[in-house]
Amino acid sequence: MRALHLASASITALLLAVAAAGCSGGSLPEGSASGTETDTDTDTDGATDSTTTNGSASAGTTTTTSAGSDSNSASGTGGACVPGMSIACACPDGGDGAQVCNAEGSGYEPCECAGSSDSTTSASGTTTDSTTTDSTTTDATTDSTTDATTTTGDLCEDPGPEPNETREDSVDLGMQGCNDEAEGYTGVLNGDADVDWHTYAGMWGQGCGFGDPNTVTTVTATDAVRICVYAECFQGNADFQCPNGSDQDAVDGIDGCCGQDELAFTFNCSGTNNESGRFWIRLDQAPADACVEYSVDYDFNVN
């Protein structure tokens, strides 16, 4: 019976030893803890860190496992990485960007976003802000006023050459022989201040006879105008009488006649048989604020 008790006690001790060895390899002192503890921590940016403690608090082994890259959309920096490796990152506009590991492998470059020039790197403390240039459009307004008001006469166009308001600026009509037909020209007087001058050379020579040339100048106009004819000999002195109804006049020492509609007189150069000379025709004194069209016919010698 005593032997039976001893055998039973031995078996019991053996079972306790086996059980203890399966748990910790030996009996644990008071206050010790055994077992396995796993601590899992998930960062707000999607990275998961887990810590596993195996064994007792005094002699156990702690293992930390980091899964994923610890990055955020503002800095784009993490732990050690493979140089040149690219990872995804979040852009301020909600889109996806890309970060590239720097050449040293110490962290990632700033998040590159399509169409964005603003980037912030938290780890390095460097902030890059793009400068927006606000261009101001200058509205250059040109206030131009065209004043087409004239001091005299209505607006009208003169088909003849201008300016011809003085004798020196007379329009040259060329030459006319003693046997040539009458010639003419047209023009416009713009009010009472407008003056038109024209000139021609009357040529006298063989075949013209022994008399003196009879000059005739006429004007036809849409309103009343004055016509003047001034004459000067190429040789000798001009000698002529103004017709009835006309007035004698002189410009720059050159004698002439002024009247209405027609001027006709016999032209003579005293002291010579050459009756050639220069003639100037002047039109003026149109009504104020009137646009008067006219035509002039001139004949050095009426045959």
Protein backbone atom coordinates (compact mmCIF):
# COMPACT_ATOMS: atom_id res chain seq x y z
CA MET A 1 0.00 0.00 0.00
CA ARG A 2 2.82 2.35 0.82
CA ALA A 3 4.43 1.41 -2.47
CA LEU A 4 1.24 2.27 -4.29
CA HIS A 5 1.17 5.69 -2.70
CA LEU A 6 4.77 6.33 -3.63
CA ALA A 7 4.14 5.35 -7.26
CA SER A 8 1.12 7.55 -7.42
CA ALA A 9 3.06 10.47 -5.99
CA SER A 10 5.84 9.95 -8.53
CA ILE A 11 3.39 9.93 -11.42
CA THR A 12 1.76 13.08 -10.13
CA ALA A 13 5.11 14.85 -9.82
CA LEU A 14 6.06 13.76 -13.31
CA LEU A 15 2.82 15.13 -14.78
CA LEU A 16 3.31 18.44 -13.00
CA ALA A 17 6.85 18.67 -14.35
CA VAL A 18 5.70 17.98 -17.90
CA ALA A 19 2.94 20.56 -17.61
CA ALA A 20 5.33 23.16 -16.29
CA ALA A 21 7.84 22.47 -19.02
CA GLY A 22 5.18 22.90 -21.68
CA CYS A 23 4.27 26.31 -20.40
CA SER A 24 7.49 28.03 -19.44
CA GLY A 25 10.19 25.53 -19.08
CA GLY A 26 10.09 25.84 -15.33
CA SER A 27 8.17 27.23 -12.46
CA LEU A 28 7.66 30.97 -12.48
CA PRO A 29 8.36 33.19 -9.60
CA GLU A 30 5.55 35.11 -7.94
CA GLY A 31 4.59 38.25 -9.88
CA SER A 32 5.90 36.91 -13.23
CA ALA A 33 3.71 36.89 -16.34
CA SER A 34 3.80 34.50 -19.19
CA GLY A 35 2.24 34.31 -22.60
CA THR A 36 2.29 36.31 -25.82
CA GLU A 37 1.12 39.92 -26.22
CA THR A 38 0.60 41.58 -29.61
CA ASP A 39 0.12 45.33 -29.81
CA THR A 40 -1.12 46.63 -33.14
CA ASP A 41 -1.08 50.37 -33.84
CA THR A 42 -2.50 51.90 -36.99
CA ASP A 43 -1.40 55.42 -37.83
CA THR A 44 -3.85 57.96 -39.19
CA ASP A 45 -2.05 57.85 -42.54
CA GLY A 46 -2.73 54.17 -43.12
CA ALA A 47 0.56 52.64 -41.83
CA THR A 48 0.27 49.74 -39.38
CA ASP A 49 2.81 49.10 -36.60
CA SER A 50 2.61 45.85 -34.56
CA THR A 51 4.60 44.90 -31.45
CA THR A 52 4.79 41.30 -30.21
CA THR A 53 6.07 40.41 -26.79
CA ASN A 54 6.94 36.73 -26.29
CA GLY A 55 7.82 35.24 -23.04
CA SER A 56 8.03 36.70 -19.62
CA ALA A 57 8.49 40.32 -18.78
CA SER A 58 11.93 39.70 -17.42
CA ALA A 59 13.39 37.46 -20.08
CA GLY A 60 11.00 37.74 -23.03
CA THR A 61 11.71 38.91 -26.57
CA THR A 62 10.01 42.00 -28.07
CA THR A 63 9.58 42.17 -31.84
CA THR A 64 8.30 45.31 -33.66
CA THR A 65 7.01 44.99 -37.20
CA SER A 66 6.31 48.08 -39.34
CA ALA A 67 4.11 47.60 -42.38
CA GLY A 68 3.72 50.22 -45.14
CA SER A 69 5.30 53.67 -45.36
CA ASP A 70 4.68 56.30 -42.76
CA SER A 71 3.78 59.27 -44.98
CA ASN A 72 1.23 62.05 -45.15
CA SER A 73 -0.01 64.29 -47.92
CA ALA A 74 1.75 67.38 -46.65
CA SER A 75 5.32 66.22 -46.08
CA GLY A 76 5.72 63.02 -48.06
CA THR A 77 8.66 61.96 -45.87
CA GLY A 78 9.17 58.63 -44.17
CA GLY A 79 11.86 56.39 -42.88
CA ALA A 80 14.67 54.82 -44.86
CA CYS A 81 13.75 54.02 -48.46
CA VAL A 82 15.29 52.74 -51.64
CA PRO A 83 16.75 55.65 -53.70
CA GLY A 84 14.61 56.30 -56.76
CA MET A 85 11.65 54.33 -55.43
CA SER A 86 8.27 56.06 -56.03
CA ILE A 87 5.19 55.84 -53.82
CA ALA A 88 1.73 57.36 -54.05
CA CYS A 89 0.75 60.42 -52.01
CA ALA A 90 -2.35 62.56 -51.53
CA CYS A 91 -2.56 66.03 -53.11
CA PRO A 92 -4.29 69.07 -51.54
CA ASP A 93 -6.95 68.99 -54.26
CA GLY A 94 -7.86 65.41 -53.40
CA GLY A 95 -5.98 63.89 -56.31
CA ASP A 96 -3.10 61.46 -56.27
CA GLY A 97 0.54 62.48 -56.52
CA ALA A 98 3.90 60.75 -56.39
CA GLN A 99 6.94 60.87 -54.08
CA VAL A 100 10.41 59.68 -55.01
CA CYS A 101 13.01 58.49 -52.51
CA ASN A 102 16.00 60.83 -52.46
CA ALA A 103 19.49 59.82 -53.52
CA GLU A 104 20.64 59.26 -49.93
CA GLY A 105 17.73 56.92 -49.16
CA SER A 106 16.96 58.97 -46.05
CA GLY A 107 13.48 60.04 -47.06
CA TYR A 108 11.09 60.95 -49.84
CA GLU A 109 11.02 64.09 -51.94
CA PRO A 110 7.96 66.42 -51.71
CA CYS A 111 4.70 65.15 -53.11
CA GLU A 112 4.45 66.06 -56.79
CA CYS A 113 0.92 66.86 -57.89
CA ALA A 114 -0.25 67.48 -61.43
CA GLY A 115 -0.99 71.15 -62.11
CA SER A 116 0.20 72.27 -58.67
CA SER A 117 3.18 74.49 -57.93
CA ASP A 118 2.75 74.54 -54.13
CA SER A 119 4.66 71.94 -52.05
CA THR A 120 5.42 71.63 -48.34
CA THR A 121 8.06 69.39 -46.76
CA SER A 122 7.41 68.89 -43.03
CA ALA A 123 10.57 66.93 -42.26
CA SER A 124 12.94 69.50 -43.68
CA GLY A 125 10.90 72.49 -42.59
CA THR A 126 11.03 73.90 -46.09
CA THR A 127 7.93 75.48 -47.57
CA THR A 128 7.75 76.43 -51.21
CA ASP A 129 4.96 78.71 -52.31
CA SER A 130 4.37 79.60 -55.87
CA THR A 131 3.92 83.25 -56.53
CA THR A 132 0.85 84.18 -58.45
CA THR A 133 1.25 87.23 -60.58
CA ASP A 134 -1.87 89.27 -60.75
CA SER A 135 -1.62 91.00 -64.07
CA THR A 136 -3.43 94.24 -64.34
CA THR A 137 -4.84 95.14 -67.68
CA THR A 138 -4.43 98.75 -68.42
CA ASP A 139 -7.37 100.08 -70.25
CA ALA A 140 -5.99 102.81 -72.38
CA THR A 141 -8.90 104.79 -73.63
CA THR A 142 -8.20 107.26 -76.31
CA ASP A 143 -10.73 109.98 -76.51
CA SER A 144 -10.28 111.48 -79.89
CA THR A 145 -12.58 114.04 -81.36
CA THR A 146 -12.47 114.96 -85.00
CA ASP A 147 -13.62 118.47 -85.64
CA ALA A 148 -14.37 118.85 -89.30
CA THR A 149 -15.70 122.37 -88.90
CA THR A 150 -14.34 124.90 -91.34
CA THR A 151 -14.31 128.62 -90.91
CA THR A 152 -15.89 129.17 -94.29
CA GLY A 153 -18.25 127.24 -96.47
CA ASP A 154 -19.80 123.81 -96.35
CA LEU A 155 -17.64 120.74 -96.61
CA CYS A 156 -16.95 120.16 -100.30
CA GLU A 157 -14.25 118.63 -102.44
CA ASP A 158 -12.31 120.49 -105.10
CA PRO A 159 -11.42 118.23 -108.06
CA GLY A 160 -8.55 120.53 -109.00
CA PRO A 161 -5.07 120.65 -107.46
CA GLU A 162 -4.77 122.32 -104.06
CA PRO A 163 -3.50 124.54 -102.60
CA ASN A 164 -3.75 127.32 -105.17
CA GLU A 165 -4.81 130.27 -102.99
CA THR A 166 -1.96 132.57 -104.10
CA ARG A 167 -0.51 133.68 -107.43
CA GLU A 168 2.74 131.88 -106.64
CA ASP A 169 0.77 128.65 -106.19
CA SER A 170 -1.19 129.00 -109.42
CA VAL A 171 -2.01 125.79 -111.28
CA ASP A 172 -0.08 125.83 -114.57
CA LEU A 173 -2.33 125.12 -117.55
CA GLY A 174 0.48 125.13 -120.09
CA MET A 175 0.67 127.12 -123.35
CA GLN A 176 -1.94 128.21 -125.85
CA GLY A 177 -1.12 129.49 -129.37
CA CYS A 178 -2.81 132.26 -131.25
CA ASN A 179 -4.65 129.78 -133.49
CA ASP A 180 -5.55 127.20 -130.83
CA GLU A 181 -9.08 126.44 -129.75
CA ALA A 182 -10.37 127.63 -126.41
CA GLU A 183 -9.53 125.43 -123.46
CA GLY A 184 -11.04 125.07 -120.02
CA TYR A 185 -10.92 123.61 -116.50
CA THR A 186 -13.25 123.08 -113.54
CA GLY A 187 -13.03 123.66 -109.80
CA VAL A 188 -14.87 124.39 -106.56
CA LEU A 189 -14.90 127.42 -104.28
CA ASN A 190 -15.50 126.58 -100.62
CA GLY A 191 -17.10 129.70 -99.19
CA ASP A 192 -16.15 133.35 -99.40
CA ALA A 193 -12.57 132.84 -98.15
CA ASP A 194 -11.54 130.34 -100.82
CA VAL A 195 -9.45 131.55 -103.78
CA ASP A 196 -8.38 129.57 -106.86
CA TRP A 197 -5.51 130.65 -109.12
CA HIS A 198 -4.61 129.24 -112.57
CA THR A 199 -2.12 130.44 -115.18
CA TYR A 200 -1.24 129.87 -118.84
CA ALA A 201 1.16 131.27 -121.42
CA GLY A 202 -0.28 132.89 -124.58
CA MET A 203 2.13 132.43 -127.49
CA TRP A 204 2.26 134.84 -130.44
CA GLY A 205 4.41 134.16 -133.51
CA GLN A 206 4.44 133.55 -137.27
CA GLY A 207 1.02 132.84 -138.67
CA CYS A 208 -0.68 134.97 -136.04
CA GLY A 209 -1.00 138.04 -138.32
CA PHE A 210 -0.16 141.63 -137.71
CA GLY A 211 -2.86 142.52 -135.20
CA ASP A 212 -3.08 142.07 -131.44
CA PRO A 213 -4.60 139.05 -129.70
CA ASN A 214 -8.16 139.32 -128.43
CA THR A 215 -8.35 137.39 -125.16
CA VAL A 216 -11.63 136.09 -123.74
CA THR A 217 -12.14 134.38 -120.37
CA THR A 218 -15.57 133.20 -119.18
CA VAL A 219 -16.82 131.47 -116.01
CA THR A 220 -19.97 129.43 -115.44
CA ALA A 221 -20.79 128.67 -111.76
CA THR A 222 -23.56 127.32 -109.55
CA ASP A 223 -23.56 130.62 -107.66
CA ALA A 224 -22.20 134.14 -108.10
CA VAL A 225 -18.40 134.34 -108.13
CA ARG A 226 -15.87 136.94 -109.23
CA ILE A 227 -13.37 136.36 -112.05
CA CYS A 228 -10.12 138.31 -112.49
CA VAL A 229 -7.52 138.16 -115.30
CA TYR A 230 -4.01 139.57 -114.89
CA ALA A 231 -1.56 139.84 -117.82
CA GLU A 232 2.16 140.46 -118.27
CA CYS A 233 4.21 140.62 -121.52
CA PHE A 234 7.29 138.51 -122.08
CA GLN A 235 8.75 141.53 -123.94
CA GLY A 236 7.70 145.13 -123.55
CA ASN A 237 4.93 146.49 -121.34
CA ALA A 238 1.38 145.18 -121.21
CA ASP A 239 -1.18 147.58 -122.65
CA PHE A 240 -4.91 146.75 -122.45
CA GLN A 241 -8.21 148.27 -121.42
CA CYS A 242 -10.64 146.52 -119.03
CA PRO A 243 -14.10 145.97 -120.57
CA ASN A 244 -17.21 147.78 -119.46
CA GLY A 245 -18.66 146.53 -116.22
CA SER A 246 -15.30 145.38 -114.88
CA ASP A 247 -12.81 146.91 -112.49
CA GLN A 248 -9.11 147.45 -112.85
CA ASP A 249 -6.97 145.65 -110.31
CA ALA A 250 -3.33 144.76 -109.69
CA VAL A 251 -1.57 141.95 -107.81
CA ASP A 252 2.16 141.99 -107.12
CA GLY A 253 2.53 144.92 -109.56
CA ILE A 254 0.74 143.05 -112.38
CA ASP A 255 -2.30 144.79 -113.88
CA GLY A 256 -5.59 143.06 -114.42
CA CYS A 257 -9.36 143.26 -114.65
CA CYS A 258 -12.08 141.81 -112.37
CA GLY A 259 -15.75 141.26 -113.15
CA GLN A 260 -18.61 138.78 -113.46
CA ASP A 261 -19.16 136.02 -115.98
CA GLU A 262 -16.78 137.20 -118.76
CA LEU A 263 -13.69 139.31 -119.29
CA ALA A 264 -12.63 140.18 -122.88
CA PHE A 265 -9.97 142.67 -123.97
CA THR A 266 -7.30 143.29 -126.63
CA PHE A 267 -3.83 142.52 -125.37
CA ASN A 268 -0.81 144.50 -126.64
CA CYS A 269 2.84 144.48 -125.71
CA SER A 270 4.15 147.99 -126.46
CA GLY A 271 7.54 148.42 -128.13
CA THR A 272 7.57 144.97 -129.79
CA ASN A 273 5.75 142.88 -132.37
CA ASN A 274 5.84 139.86 -130.05
CA GLU A 275 2.51 139.84 -128.25
CA SER A 276 3.28 136.77 -126.17
CA GLY A 277 2.64 136.98 -122.45
CA ARG A 278 1.58 135.25 -119.24
CA PHE A 279 -2.02 135.31 -118.00
CA TRP A 280 -3.32 134.57 -114.50
CA ILE A 281 -6.95 133.70 -113.84
CA ARG A 282 -8.32 134.19 -110.33
CA LEU A 283 -11.72 133.09 -108.98
CA ASP A 284 -12.99 134.25 -105.56
CA GLN A 285 -15.83 135.91 -103.57
CA ALA A 286 -18.19 132.93 -103.50
CA PRO A 287 -21.09 133.28 -101.02
CA ALA A 288 -20.28 132.48 -97.40
CA ASP A 289 -20.96 128.88 -96.36
CA ALA A 290 -21.47 127.88 -99.98
CA CYS A 291 -19.85 125.16 -102.04
CA VAL A 292 -19.74 126.61 -105.55
CA GLU A 293 -18.78 124.50 -108.53
CA TYR A 294 -17.48 126.31 -111.58
CA SER A 295 -16.02 125.83 -115.06
CA VAL A 296 -13.72 128.27 -116.87
CA ASP A 297 -13.05 128.63 -120.60
CA TYR A 298 -10.08 130.70 -121.78
CA ASP A 299 -8.98 131.69 -125.29
CA PHE A 300 -5.76 133.63 -125.90
CA ASN A 301 -6.87 134.83 -129.32
CA VAL A 302 -10.39 134.67 -130.63
CA ASN A 303 -10.24 134.07 -134.40
